[in-house]
Amino acid sequence: MGHHNARVEWHRGDAKFTDNRYSRAHEWSFDGGVHVPASSSPGVVPVPLSNPDAVDPEEAFVASLAACHMLWFLSIAARRGFVVDTYADDAVGELARNDDGRLAMKTVTLRPAVIFHAGAHPSTAELEALHHEAHDACYLSNSVRTEIRVEPA
């Protein structure tokens, strides 16, 4: 199954640092050469110490779960003979206190809207089964304690 690498890089610049007033902006780099501006969430660390235009870890977590579900859904739909034209998901993560009183991503709700090509369309029961199978197959959903809900649009 292999290893999956990401480089996370931050530089202090001329900030004092020990006063905790340093930029949280940093960069993620991936093996394909993509570089992503990243930062803490402005909801956690206020601007200007956070960059609101960058991806924060919480957003990336939600997007990763949504993308994993989508990729499995597309694969399973193709194997079943359903042609998907469009798949869009407005996923939402809820940061809340867990049973230990610590902040955690308690729930991620996936809201996939799938448009199938003219021809064979899954029934409501088949669509639910496709989403259920995609959820069960997703490596990431199998790796986290977060409750993941699938509410197709």
Protein backbone atom coordinates (compact mmCIF):
# COMPACT_ATOMS: atom_id res chain seq x y z
CA MET A 1 0.00 0.00 0.00
CA GLY A 2 2.99 2.29 0.40
CA HIS A 3 3.87 5.50 2.11
CA HIS A 4 2.33 8.89 1.46
CA ASN A 5 4.54 11.90 2.01
CA ALA A 6 3.88 15.54 2.69
CA ARG A 7 6.32 18.26 3.67
CA VAL A 8 5.18 20.98 6.05
CA GLU A 9 7.53 23.96 6.25
CA TRP A 10 7.40 27.11 8.40
CA HIS A 11 9.93 29.93 8.90
CA ARG A 12 9.99 32.36 11.82
CA GLY A 13 11.24 35.34 9.86
CA ASP A 14 11.95 38.31 12.13
CA ALA A 15 9.22 37.60 14.72
CA LYS A 16 10.31 37.47 18.36
CA PHE A 17 8.52 34.08 18.78
CA THR A 18 8.60 33.78 22.58
CA ASP A 19 5.81 36.36 22.84
CA ASN A 20 3.59 33.93 20.84
CA ARG A 21 2.98 36.63 18.21
CA TYR A 22 4.49 34.87 15.21
CA SER A 23 2.85 34.06 11.89
CA ARG A 24 1.23 30.65 11.63
CA ALA A 25 1.44 30.80 7.82
CA HIS A 26 3.38 27.91 6.33
CA GLU A 27 3.47 25.73 3.23
CA TRP A 28 2.51 22.15 2.42
CA SER A 29 4.38 20.44 -0.41
CA PHE A 30 3.44 17.16 -2.05
CA ASP A 31 5.30 14.64 -4.19
CA GLY A 32 3.65 15.79 -7.41
CA GLY A 33 5.17 19.24 -6.96
CA VAL A 34 2.07 20.99 -5.63
CA HIS A 35 2.67 23.68 -2.99
CA VAL A 36 -0.29 24.76 -0.86
CA PRO A 37 -0.34 27.89 1.31
CA ALA A 38 -1.45 26.82 4.76
CA SER A 39 -2.08 28.45 8.13
CA SER A 40 -3.87 28.01 11.38
CA SER A 41 -7.56 28.78 11.21
CA PRO A 42 -8.39 32.46 11.79
CA GLY A 43 -11.08 31.11 14.11
CA VAL A 44 -8.34 29.69 16.33
CA VAL A 45 -5.52 32.21 15.89
CA PRO A 46 -6.67 35.69 14.83
CA VAL A 47 -5.49 37.56 11.74
CA PRO A 48 -2.78 38.79 11.12
CA LEU A 49 -1.10 35.84 12.85
CA SER A 50 -3.19 33.51 10.64
CA ASN A 51 -3.67 33.80 6.90
CA PRO A 52 -7.39 33.59 6.05
CA ASP A 53 -6.56 32.92 2.38
CA ALA A 54 -4.65 29.73 3.20
CA VAL A 55 -5.90 26.20 3.90
CA ASP A 56 -6.06 25.31 7.57
CA PRO A 57 -5.66 21.77 8.97
CA GLU A 58 -9.32 21.49 9.90
CA GLU A 59 -10.46 22.38 6.35
CA ALA A 60 -7.93 19.95 4.90
CA PHE A 61 -9.21 17.19 7.19
CA VAL A 62 -12.80 17.72 6.02
CA ALA A 63 -11.73 17.95 2.36
CA SER A 64 -9.65 14.76 2.67
CA LEU A 65 -12.58 12.79 4.04
CA ALA A 66 -14.91 14.18 1.35
CA ALA A 67 -12.41 13.44 -1.43
CA CYS A 68 -11.78 9.90 -0.21
CA HIS A 69 -15.52 9.19 -0.14
CA MET A 70 -15.97 10.71 -3.60
CA LEU A 71 -13.15 8.70 -5.17
CA TRP A 72 -14.53 5.44 -3.81
CA PHE A 73 -18.08 6.39 -4.82
CA LEU A 74 -16.96 7.10 -8.41
CA SER A 75 -15.08 3.80 -8.60
CA ILE A 76 -17.98 1.77 -7.27
CA ALA A 77 -20.53 3.56 -9.48
CA ALA A 78 -18.38 2.89 -12.57
CA ARG A 79 -18.11 -0.82 -11.68
CA ARG A 80 -21.90 -0.96 -11.32
CA GLY A 81 -22.44 0.66 -14.73
CA PHE A 82 -23.68 4.05 -13.51
CA VAL A 83 -22.16 6.98 -15.41
CA VAL A 84 -21.53 9.99 -13.16
CA ASP A 85 -21.33 13.39 -14.88
CA THR A 86 -20.88 15.57 -11.79
CA TYR A 87 -20.15 15.03 -8.13
CA ALA A 88 -20.05 17.99 -5.72
CA ASP A 89 -19.87 17.86 -1.94
CA ASP A 90 -20.34 20.77 0.44
CA ALA A 91 -18.84 18.93 3.40
CA VAL A 92 -18.88 20.46 6.89
CA GLY A 93 -16.80 19.58 9.93
CA GLU A 94 -17.90 20.32 13.49
CA LEU A 95 -15.18 21.10 15.99
CA ALA A 96 -16.48 20.39 19.50
CA ARG A 97 -15.39 18.93 22.83
CA ASN A 98 -15.03 15.16 22.90
CA ASP A 99 -15.77 12.86 25.85
CA ASP A 100 -12.39 13.79 27.37
CA GLY A 101 -13.23 17.49 27.16
CA ARG A 102 -10.70 18.11 24.37
CA LEU A 103 -11.45 19.93 21.14
CA ALA A 104 -11.81 17.43 18.32
CA MET A 105 -13.42 17.17 14.92
CA LYS A 106 -16.48 15.43 16.33
CA THR A 107 -18.54 15.18 13.17
CA VAL A 108 -17.97 15.55 9.45
CA THR A 109 -21.11 15.69 7.35
CA LEU A 110 -20.73 14.89 3.68
CA ARG A 111 -23.43 16.31 1.43
CA PRO A 112 -22.70 14.84 -1.99
CA ALA A 113 -24.84 15.92 -4.92
CA VAL A 114 -24.41 13.47 -7.78
CA ILE A 115 -25.65 13.96 -11.32
CA PHE A 116 -25.79 10.83 -13.41
CA HIS A 117 -25.61 10.72 -17.19
CA ALA A 118 -28.80 10.04 -19.13
CA GLY A 119 -29.47 6.34 -19.08
CA ALA A 120 -29.13 4.04 -16.09
CA HIS A 121 -29.74 5.89 -12.83
CA PRO A 122 -29.53 4.20 -9.46
CA SER A 123 -32.69 3.88 -7.43
CA THR A 124 -32.80 5.60 -4.07
CA ALA A 125 -31.85 2.32 -2.38
CA GLU A 126 -28.98 1.74 -4.84
CA LEU A 127 -27.70 5.30 -4.29
CA GLU A 128 -27.72 4.78 -0.52
CA ALA A 129 -25.88 1.48 -1.00
CA LEU A 130 -23.25 3.16 -3.20
CA HIS A 131 -22.61 5.78 -0.50
CA HIS A 132 -22.53 3.14 2.24
CA GLU A 133 -20.02 1.03 0.33
CA ALA A 134 -17.88 4.10 -0.45
CA HIS A 135 -17.84 5.03 3.23
CA ASP A 136 -16.84 1.52 4.26
CA ALA A 137 -14.04 1.42 1.66
CA CYS A 138 -12.53 4.85 2.37
CA TYR A 139 -9.12 4.47 4.01
CA LEU A 140 -9.48 7.76 5.84
CA SER A 141 -12.92 7.10 7.29
CA ASN A 142 -11.50 3.79 8.54
CA SER A 143 -8.63 5.69 10.20
CA VAL A 144 -10.41 8.28 12.34
CA ARG A 145 -12.70 8.38 15.35
CA THR A 146 -14.71 11.26 13.88
CA GLU A 147 -18.35 10.46 13.19
CA ILE A 148 -18.87 10.75 9.44
CA ARG A 149 -22.40 11.29 8.22
CA VAL A 150 -23.42 11.00 4.58
CA GLU A 151 -26.47 13.07 3.65
CA PRO A 152 -26.84 12.99 -0.14
CA ALA A 153 -28.38 16.12 -1.63
